[in-house]
Each structure stands twice: as C-alpha cells, then as structure tokens.
C-alpha cells in the first residue's frame, strides 16, 4: 500500500519506537517515562527478548507491535504473546493495526509457533473489534489470573 511500510525493527530504530512506546503506556494511564521506555526497549533488543514490528507512514513512525516469545506446555510448541499494539491517534483507521497484526501472524507462522495470544482491557472495544475482524477469538475456556509481586 503506498504511503506506509511495515518492517521488523532493530535497535537502530530505538529513537523512533520510544515515543510510540511511551504513548502506548500513557494510553493505559501510566505516567510518561521516555527514559524508562528507552531502557526497557534497549534491554529487549540487546537480550533478543522480543520482536518489534514498526509501521512507517511516509517514512515517519506511526505504529508498532511487540511480540514476546513463549511456549505452550500443553501443545509442546512455541507461541508468541502479542503484548503491545499501538497506532498514533492521527494515523488510526488507515489499516496500520490490521497490517501489524498480519505481519505478527506471518512472523509467528515462520517461527513455527502454534498461536499468538493477547489480552486487552475489557473496555477497549475498538481494539476488540479489530482483533475479531482479523480472526482472533475470545478465550471462553480459560480464565486469566494475576498475582501482583
């Protein structure tokens, strides 16, 4: 599609991703922390602990998604946790979120994963609508719990 590009990010893209990641965190009502975001993302890149896909609109960073590799013991196979997906408000409704989800799924298939998993706030109906449109299904079998440490 003319005007936008989706590509896997590298540590060389850190400066482009930090503002997006910081905005993503603010979307979830967390305080802005660009230096913390930089540190966190740098560690993910340096330790090869995540895969980030970056969407560029006319060469400018506009959206990203971040995947964390994991495994399913029951399936005895690799899975990926799609932990983050963010599109700048001014760039929404152009297909960037869908393109990032498609690219994440392609990456998972290429890596031999059996599935991608994600969670989102119960009130985030806009994202839920996109996920369902893209073929994601709500898990009605397992309940998720968290233990704050």
N, C-alpha and C. Protein backbone atom coordinates (compact mmCIF):
# COMPACT_ATOMS: atom_id res chain seq x y z
N UNK A 1 0.86 -1.18 0.00
CA UNK A 1 0.00 0.00 0.00
C UNK A 1 0.90 1.24 0.00
N UNK A 2 0.69 2.15 -0.90
CA UNK A 2 1.53 3.34 -0.95
C UNK A 2 1.39 4.17 0.33
N UNK A 3 2.51 4.71 0.75
CA UNK A 3 2.47 5.59 1.91
C UNK A 3 2.81 4.95 3.23
N UNK A 4 2.63 3.61 3.35
CA UNK A 4 3.08 3.03 4.60
C UNK A 4 3.84 1.74 4.39
N UNK A 5 4.71 1.48 5.36
CA UNK A 5 5.59 0.33 5.31
C UNK A 5 5.58 -0.34 6.69
N UNK A 6 5.56 -1.66 6.70
CA UNK A 6 5.68 -2.43 7.94
C UNK A 6 6.99 -3.19 7.85
N UNK A 7 7.82 -3.05 8.88
CA UNK A 7 9.08 -3.80 8.88
C UNK A 7 9.48 -4.14 10.30
N UNK A 8 10.32 -5.18 10.40
CA UNK A 8 10.83 -5.54 11.72
C UNK A 8 11.83 -4.49 12.16
N UNK A 9 11.69 -4.07 13.39
CA UNK A 9 12.56 -3.03 13.95
C UNK A 9 13.84 -3.66 14.50
N UNK A 10 14.86 -2.85 14.57
CA UNK A 10 16.12 -3.25 15.20
C UNK A 10 16.48 -2.17 16.23
N UNK A 11 17.55 -2.41 16.93
CA UNK A 11 17.99 -1.43 17.93
C UNK A 11 18.28 -0.06 17.29
N UNK A 12 18.56 -0.05 16.00
CA UNK A 12 18.78 1.22 15.29
C UNK A 12 17.51 2.06 15.22
N UNK A 13 16.35 1.43 15.45
CA UNK A 13 15.07 2.13 15.43
C UNK A 13 14.63 2.61 16.81
N UNK A 14 15.49 2.46 17.80
CA UNK A 14 15.12 2.78 19.18
C UNK A 14 14.53 4.19 19.31
N UNK A 15 15.19 5.17 18.71
CA UNK A 15 14.72 6.56 18.82
C UNK A 15 13.32 6.73 18.22
N UNK A 16 12.99 5.94 17.22
CA UNK A 16 11.67 6.01 16.58
C UNK A 16 10.59 5.33 17.41
N UNK A 17 10.97 4.28 18.13
CA UNK A 17 9.99 3.50 18.87
C UNK A 17 9.69 4.09 20.24
N UNK A 18 10.67 4.72 20.88
CA UNK A 18 10.48 5.23 22.24
C UNK A 18 9.24 6.12 22.36
N UNK A 19 9.03 7.11 21.50
CA UNK A 19 7.82 7.95 21.66
C UNK A 19 6.53 7.16 21.48
N UNK A 20 6.53 6.17 20.59
CA UNK A 20 5.35 5.34 20.39
C UNK A 20 5.08 4.49 21.63
N UNK A 21 6.13 3.89 22.17
CA UNK A 21 6.00 3.05 23.35
C UNK A 21 5.54 3.88 24.55
N UNK A 22 6.09 5.07 24.68
CA UNK A 22 5.69 5.96 25.78
C UNK A 22 4.21 6.35 25.64
N UNK A 23 3.77 6.65 24.42
CA UNK A 23 2.36 6.99 24.18
C UNK A 23 1.45 5.79 24.46
N UNK A 24 1.92 4.60 24.10
CA UNK A 24 1.17 3.37 24.38
C UNK A 24 0.95 3.23 25.88
N UNK A 25 1.99 3.43 26.67
CA UNK A 25 1.88 3.32 28.12
C UNK A 25 0.93 4.39 28.67
N UNK A 26 0.98 5.59 28.11
CA UNK A 26 0.08 6.65 28.56
C UNK A 26 -1.38 6.31 28.23
N UNK A 27 -1.59 5.62 27.11
CA UNK A 27 -2.94 5.16 26.75
C UNK A 27 -3.52 4.32 27.88
N UNK A 28 -2.65 3.55 28.55
CA UNK A 28 -3.07 2.71 29.67
C UNK A 28 -2.91 3.43 31.02
N UNK A 29 -2.95 4.77 30.97
CA UNK A 29 -2.98 5.62 32.15
C UNK A 29 -1.74 5.52 33.03
N UNK A 30 -0.60 5.24 32.41
CA UNK A 30 0.67 5.23 33.12
C UNK A 30 1.39 6.54 32.84
N UNK A 31 2.23 7.00 33.75
CA UNK A 31 2.91 8.28 33.53
C UNK A 31 3.95 8.18 32.40
N UNK A 32 4.15 9.28 31.73
CA UNK A 32 5.18 9.34 30.69
C UNK A 32 6.54 9.08 31.31
N UNK A 33 7.33 8.26 30.63
CA UNK A 33 8.67 7.93 31.12
C UNK A 33 9.54 7.54 29.91
N UNK A 34 9.91 8.52 29.09
CA UNK A 34 10.70 8.20 27.89
C UNK A 34 12.03 7.52 28.20
N UNK A 35 12.69 7.92 29.26
CA UNK A 35 13.99 7.29 29.58
C UNK A 35 13.79 5.85 30.04
N UNK A 36 12.74 5.62 30.83
CA UNK A 36 12.42 4.25 31.23
C UNK A 36 12.05 3.41 30.02
N UNK A 37 11.29 3.99 29.09
CA UNK A 37 10.92 3.28 27.86
C UNK A 37 12.17 2.92 27.06
N UNK A 38 13.08 3.86 26.94
CA UNK A 38 14.33 3.63 26.20
C UNK A 38 15.11 2.47 26.84
N UNK A 39 15.25 2.52 28.15
CA UNK A 39 15.99 1.46 28.87
C UNK A 39 15.33 0.10 28.64
N UNK A 40 14.01 0.07 28.82
CA UNK A 40 13.27 -1.18 28.68
C UNK A 40 13.41 -1.76 27.27
N UNK A 41 13.20 -0.93 26.27
CA UNK A 41 13.28 -1.40 24.89
C UNK A 41 14.71 -1.80 24.51
N UNK A 42 15.69 -1.04 24.95
CA UNK A 42 17.08 -1.37 24.68
C UNK A 42 17.40 -2.77 25.23
N UNK A 43 16.96 -3.05 26.45
CA UNK A 43 17.19 -4.37 27.05
C UNK A 43 16.52 -5.47 26.23
N UNK A 44 15.32 -5.23 25.75
CA UNK A 44 14.64 -6.24 24.94
C UNK A 44 15.44 -6.53 23.67
N UNK A 45 15.92 -5.47 23.02
CA UNK A 45 16.72 -5.65 21.80
C UNK A 45 18.04 -6.36 22.12
N UNK A 46 18.75 -5.85 23.11
CA UNK A 46 20.08 -6.40 23.41
C UNK A 46 20.02 -7.86 23.84
N UNK A 47 18.96 -8.24 24.54
CA UNK A 47 18.83 -9.61 25.02
C UNK A 47 18.00 -10.50 24.08
N UNK A 48 17.60 -9.92 22.94
CA UNK A 48 16.79 -10.65 21.96
C UNK A 48 15.56 -11.29 22.62
N UNK A 49 14.86 -10.47 23.42
CA UNK A 49 13.72 -10.95 24.19
C UNK A 49 12.37 -10.59 23.58
N UNK A 50 12.37 -9.85 22.50
CA UNK A 50 11.11 -9.53 21.85
C UNK A 50 11.36 -9.26 20.37
N UNK A 51 10.26 -9.23 19.65
CA UNK A 51 10.28 -8.87 18.23
C UNK A 51 9.33 -7.69 18.08
N UNK A 52 9.82 -6.63 17.49
CA UNK A 52 9.00 -5.43 17.30
C UNK A 52 8.85 -5.17 15.81
N UNK A 53 7.61 -4.93 15.41
CA UNK A 53 7.33 -4.51 14.04
C UNK A 53 6.90 -3.05 14.11
N UNK A 54 7.43 -2.27 13.19
CA UNK A 54 7.23 -0.83 13.15
C UNK A 54 6.49 -0.47 11.88
N UNK A 55 5.49 0.39 12.01
CA UNK A 55 4.76 0.91 10.84
C UNK A 55 5.22 2.34 10.61
N UNK A 56 5.63 2.60 9.39
CA UNK A 56 6.06 3.95 8.99
C UNK A 56 5.07 4.48 7.96
N UNK A 57 4.60 5.70 8.18
CA UNK A 57 3.73 6.37 7.23
C UNK A 57 4.54 7.49 6.60
N UNK A 58 4.74 7.38 5.30
CA UNK A 58 5.59 8.34 4.58
C UNK A 58 6.93 8.51 5.29
N UNK A 59 7.46 7.40 5.77
CA UNK A 59 8.78 7.39 6.40
C UNK A 59 8.80 7.73 7.88
N UNK A 60 7.67 8.16 8.45
CA UNK A 60 7.61 8.56 9.86
C UNK A 60 6.99 7.45 10.70
N UNK A 61 7.54 7.18 11.90
CA UNK A 61 6.98 6.14 12.76
C UNK A 61 5.54 6.49 13.17
N UNK A 62 4.64 5.51 13.00
CA UNK A 62 3.23 5.77 13.27
C UNK A 62 2.58 4.70 14.14
N UNK A 63 3.18 3.51 14.23
CA UNK A 63 2.56 2.42 14.98
C UNK A 63 3.59 1.33 15.21
N UNK A 64 3.31 0.48 16.20
CA UNK A 64 4.20 -0.66 16.44
C UNK A 64 3.42 -1.77 17.12
N UNK A 65 3.98 -2.96 17.05
CA UNK A 65 3.53 -4.08 17.86
C UNK A 65 4.75 -4.82 18.37
N UNK A 66 4.62 -5.39 19.57
CA UNK A 66 5.73 -6.10 20.18
C UNK A 66 5.28 -7.50 20.58
N UNK A 67 6.06 -8.48 20.19
CA UNK A 67 5.79 -9.89 20.49
C UNK A 67 6.85 -10.42 21.43
N UNK A 68 6.41 -11.22 22.40
CA UNK A 68 7.34 -11.90 23.29
C UNK A 68 7.24 -13.40 23.02
N UNK A 69 8.37 -14.06 22.79
CA UNK A 69 8.32 -15.50 22.58
C UNK A 69 8.00 -16.22 23.88
N UNK A 70 7.24 -17.29 23.76
CA UNK A 70 6.91 -18.12 24.90
C UNK A 70 6.66 -19.53 24.38
N UNK A 71 6.16 -20.39 25.26
CA UNK A 71 5.87 -21.77 24.88
C UNK A 71 4.58 -22.21 25.54
N UNK A 72 3.93 -23.17 24.89
CA UNK A 72 2.77 -23.82 25.46
C UNK A 72 3.18 -25.23 25.86
N UNK A 73 3.09 -25.52 27.14
CA UNK A 73 3.42 -26.87 27.59
C UNK A 73 2.42 -27.88 27.05
N UNK A 74 1.12 -27.53 27.07
CA UNK A 74 0.10 -28.46 26.58
C UNK A 74 0.32 -28.80 25.11
N UNK A 75 0.65 -27.79 24.30
CA UNK A 75 0.88 -28.02 22.87
C UNK A 75 2.30 -28.47 22.58
N UNK A 76 3.17 -28.31 23.58
CA UNK A 76 4.60 -28.59 23.40
C UNK A 76 5.13 -27.86 22.16
N UNK A 77 4.82 -26.57 22.12
CA UNK A 77 5.18 -25.78 20.94
C UNK A 77 5.37 -24.31 21.33
N UNK A 78 6.01 -23.59 20.42
CA UNK A 78 6.24 -22.16 20.59
C UNK A 78 4.94 -21.40 20.38
N UNK A 79 4.77 -20.35 21.17
CA UNK A 79 3.71 -19.37 20.97
C UNK A 79 4.34 -17.99 21.08
N UNK A 80 3.62 -16.97 20.70
CA UNK A 80 4.05 -15.59 20.91
C UNK A 80 2.95 -14.84 21.64
N UNK A 81 3.36 -14.01 22.59
CA UNK A 81 2.44 -13.12 23.28
C UNK A 81 2.52 -11.77 22.58
N UNK A 82 1.43 -11.37 21.97
CA UNK A 82 1.36 -10.05 21.35
C UNK A 82 0.99 -9.11 22.50
N UNK A 83 2.02 -8.53 23.09
CA UNK A 83 1.83 -7.76 24.31
C UNK A 83 1.43 -6.31 24.04
N UNK A 84 1.93 -5.74 22.97
CA UNK A 84 1.70 -4.32 22.70
C UNK A 84 1.27 -4.11 21.26
N UNK A 85 0.28 -3.27 21.07
CA UNK A 85 -0.11 -2.80 19.73
C UNK A 85 -0.58 -1.37 19.93
N UNK A 86 0.05 -0.46 19.20
CA UNK A 86 -0.30 0.95 19.34
C UNK A 86 -0.21 1.63 17.99
N UNK A 87 -1.24 2.42 17.68
CA UNK A 87 -1.26 3.26 16.48
C UNK A 87 -1.48 4.69 16.95
N UNK A 88 -0.64 5.60 16.50
CA UNK A 88 -0.81 7.02 16.84
C UNK A 88 -2.24 7.44 16.50
N UNK A 89 -2.87 8.20 17.37
CA UNK A 89 -4.26 8.61 17.12
C UNK A 89 -4.49 9.24 15.74
N UNK A 90 -3.57 10.06 15.27
CA UNK A 90 -3.74 10.72 13.97
C UNK A 90 -3.62 9.76 12.79
N UNK A 91 -3.11 8.55 13.04
CA UNK A 91 -2.89 7.59 11.96
C UNK A 91 -3.88 6.42 12.00
N UNK A 92 -4.84 6.48 12.89
CA UNK A 92 -5.80 5.38 13.02
C UNK A 92 -6.77 5.36 11.84
N UNK A 93 -7.33 4.19 11.63
CA UNK A 93 -8.32 3.95 10.56
C UNK A 93 -7.69 3.96 9.17
N UNK A 94 -6.40 3.69 9.09
CA UNK A 94 -5.72 3.57 7.79
C UNK A 94 -5.26 2.14 7.51
N UNK A 95 -5.57 1.23 8.43
CA UNK A 95 -5.17 -0.16 8.24
C UNK A 95 -3.85 -0.53 8.87
N UNK A 96 -3.25 0.37 9.64
CA UNK A 96 -1.95 0.07 10.24
C UNK A 96 -2.05 -1.04 11.28
N UNK A 97 -3.06 -0.98 12.14
CA UNK A 97 -3.24 -2.03 13.15
C UNK A 97 -3.42 -3.39 12.50
N UNK A 98 -4.27 -3.44 11.49
CA UNK A 98 -4.50 -4.70 10.77
C UNK A 98 -3.22 -5.20 10.10
N UNK A 99 -2.47 -4.28 9.51
CA UNK A 99 -1.22 -4.67 8.85
C UNK A 99 -0.21 -5.19 9.86
N UNK A 100 -0.14 -4.58 11.03
CA UNK A 100 0.77 -5.06 12.07
C UNK A 100 0.34 -6.44 12.59
N UNK A 101 -0.96 -6.64 12.77
CA UNK A 101 -1.45 -7.95 13.21
C UNK A 101 -1.14 -9.02 12.17
N UNK A 102 -1.31 -8.68 10.90
CA UNK A 102 -1.00 -9.62 9.82
C UNK A 102 0.48 -9.97 9.82
N UNK A 103 1.32 -8.96 9.97
CA UNK A 103 2.77 -9.20 9.98
C UNK A 103 3.18 -10.03 11.20
N UNK A 104 2.57 -9.78 12.34
CA UNK A 104 2.86 -10.56 13.54
C UNK A 104 2.48 -12.03 13.33
N UNK A 105 1.33 -12.27 12.71
CA UNK A 105 0.90 -13.65 12.44
C UNK A 105 1.86 -14.33 11.46
N UNK A 106 2.28 -13.60 10.44
CA UNK A 106 3.26 -14.17 9.49
C UNK A 106 4.55 -14.55 10.21
N UNK A 107 5.00 -13.68 11.09
CA UNK A 107 6.22 -13.97 11.85
C UNK A 107 6.04 -15.22 12.70
N UNK A 108 4.91 -15.32 13.38
CA UNK A 108 4.63 -16.50 14.19
C UNK A 108 4.65 -17.78 13.37
N UNK A 109 4.00 -17.75 12.21
CA UNK A 109 4.00 -18.94 11.34
C UNK A 109 5.41 -19.29 10.90
N UNK A 110 6.17 -18.28 10.48
CA UNK A 110 7.55 -18.52 10.03
C UNK A 110 8.42 -19.09 11.14
N UNK A 111 8.13 -18.74 12.39
CA UNK A 111 8.91 -19.22 13.53
C UNK A 111 8.40 -20.58 14.03
N UNK A 112 7.35 -21.10 13.40
CA UNK A 112 6.81 -22.39 13.81
C UNK A 112 5.90 -22.34 15.02
N UNK A 113 5.40 -21.17 15.36
CA UNK A 113 4.51 -21.04 16.51
C UNK A 113 3.14 -21.63 16.18
N UNK A 114 2.47 -22.11 17.20
CA UNK A 114 1.13 -22.65 17.00
C UNK A 114 0.04 -21.61 17.22
N UNK A 115 0.38 -20.51 17.91
CA UNK A 115 -0.62 -19.45 18.08
C UNK A 115 0.03 -18.18 18.62
N UNK A 116 -0.72 -17.11 18.47
CA UNK A 116 -0.43 -15.84 19.13
C UNK A 116 -1.52 -15.64 20.18
N UNK A 117 -1.16 -15.02 21.28
CA UNK A 117 -2.14 -14.71 22.31
C UNK A 117 -2.00 -13.23 22.68
N UNK A 118 -3.10 -12.65 23.12
CA UNK A 118 -3.06 -11.26 23.58
C UNK A 118 -4.16 -11.05 24.59
N UNK A 119 -4.03 -9.97 25.32
CA UNK A 119 -5.12 -9.53 26.18
C UNK A 119 -5.23 -8.02 26.04
N UNK A 120 -6.42 -7.54 26.27
CA UNK A 120 -6.66 -6.11 26.22
C UNK A 120 -7.69 -5.76 27.28
N UNK A 121 -7.77 -4.50 27.61
CA UNK A 121 -8.76 -4.08 28.60
C UNK A 121 -10.16 -4.44 28.12
N UNK A 122 -10.97 -4.82 29.08
CA UNK A 122 -12.35 -5.18 28.77
C UNK A 122 -13.09 -4.04 28.09
N UNK A 123 -12.72 -2.80 28.42
CA UNK A 123 -13.40 -1.63 27.85
C UNK A 123 -12.86 -1.20 26.49
N UNK A 124 -11.79 -1.83 26.01
CA UNK A 124 -11.17 -1.41 24.75
C UNK A 124 -11.90 -2.05 23.56
N UNK A 125 -13.12 -1.62 23.34
CA UNK A 125 -13.96 -2.22 22.30
C UNK A 125 -13.43 -1.96 20.90
N UNK A 126 -12.75 -0.86 20.69
CA UNK A 126 -12.19 -0.57 19.37
C UNK A 126 -11.16 -1.64 18.99
N UNK A 127 -10.24 -1.93 19.91
CA UNK A 127 -9.24 -2.97 19.65
C UNK A 127 -9.90 -4.32 19.51
N UNK A 128 -10.85 -4.63 20.37
CA UNK A 128 -11.53 -5.93 20.30
C UNK A 128 -12.19 -6.13 18.95
N UNK A 129 -12.79 -5.09 18.45
CA UNK A 129 -13.44 -5.14 17.14
C UNK A 129 -12.43 -5.49 16.05
N UNK A 130 -11.27 -4.84 16.10
CA UNK A 130 -10.22 -5.13 15.12
C UNK A 130 -9.74 -6.56 15.25
N UNK A 131 -9.47 -7.01 16.47
CA UNK A 131 -8.98 -8.38 16.66
C UNK A 131 -9.97 -9.39 16.10
N UNK A 132 -11.23 -9.21 16.42
CA UNK A 132 -12.24 -10.16 15.94
C UNK A 132 -12.37 -10.11 14.43
N UNK A 133 -12.29 -8.92 13.86
CA UNK A 133 -12.34 -8.78 12.39
C UNK A 133 -11.16 -9.52 11.74
N UNK A 134 -10.02 -9.56 12.44
CA UNK A 134 -8.81 -10.20 11.91
C UNK A 134 -8.75 -11.70 12.23
N UNK A 135 -9.82 -12.25 12.82
CA UNK A 135 -9.88 -13.69 13.05
C UNK A 135 -9.48 -14.15 14.44
N UNK A 136 -9.14 -13.23 15.33
CA UNK A 136 -8.82 -13.60 16.70
C UNK A 136 -10.12 -13.97 17.41
N UNK A 137 -10.05 -14.93 18.34
CA UNK A 137 -11.24 -15.34 19.07
C UNK A 137 -11.04 -15.15 20.56
N UNK A 138 -12.13 -14.88 21.25
CA UNK A 138 -12.11 -14.72 22.69
C UNK A 138 -11.98 -16.10 23.32
N UNK A 139 -11.12 -16.23 24.31
CA UNK A 139 -10.93 -17.49 25.02
C UNK A 139 -12.06 -17.65 26.03
N UNK A 140 -12.91 -18.62 25.77
CA UNK A 140 -14.02 -18.90 26.69
C UNK A 140 -13.77 -20.15 27.52
N UNK A 141 -12.55 -20.68 27.46
CA UNK A 141 -12.21 -21.91 28.17
C UNK A 141 -11.39 -21.61 29.42
N UNK A 142 -10.42 -20.70 29.28
CA UNK A 142 -9.52 -20.42 30.39
C UNK A 142 -9.77 -19.03 30.96
N UNK A 143 -9.63 -18.91 32.25
CA UNK A 143 -9.72 -17.63 32.94
C UNK A 143 -8.30 -17.21 33.30
N UNK A 144 -7.98 -15.95 33.11
CA UNK A 144 -6.66 -15.44 33.41
C UNK A 144 -6.64 -14.84 34.80
N UNK A 145 -5.60 -15.19 35.56
CA UNK A 145 -5.39 -14.62 36.88
C UNK A 145 -4.03 -13.92 36.90
N UNK A 146 -3.87 -13.01 37.82
CA UNK A 146 -2.60 -12.33 38.01
C UNK A 146 -2.28 -12.30 39.50
N UNK A 147 -1.00 -12.35 39.79
CA UNK A 147 -0.52 -12.19 41.16
C UNK A 147 0.45 -11.02 41.16
N UNK A 148 0.07 -9.94 41.81
CA UNK A 148 0.94 -8.77 41.86
C UNK A 148 2.11 -9.05 42.78
N UNK A 149 3.32 -8.79 42.28
CA UNK A 149 4.54 -9.05 43.06
C UNK A 149 5.21 -7.75 43.46
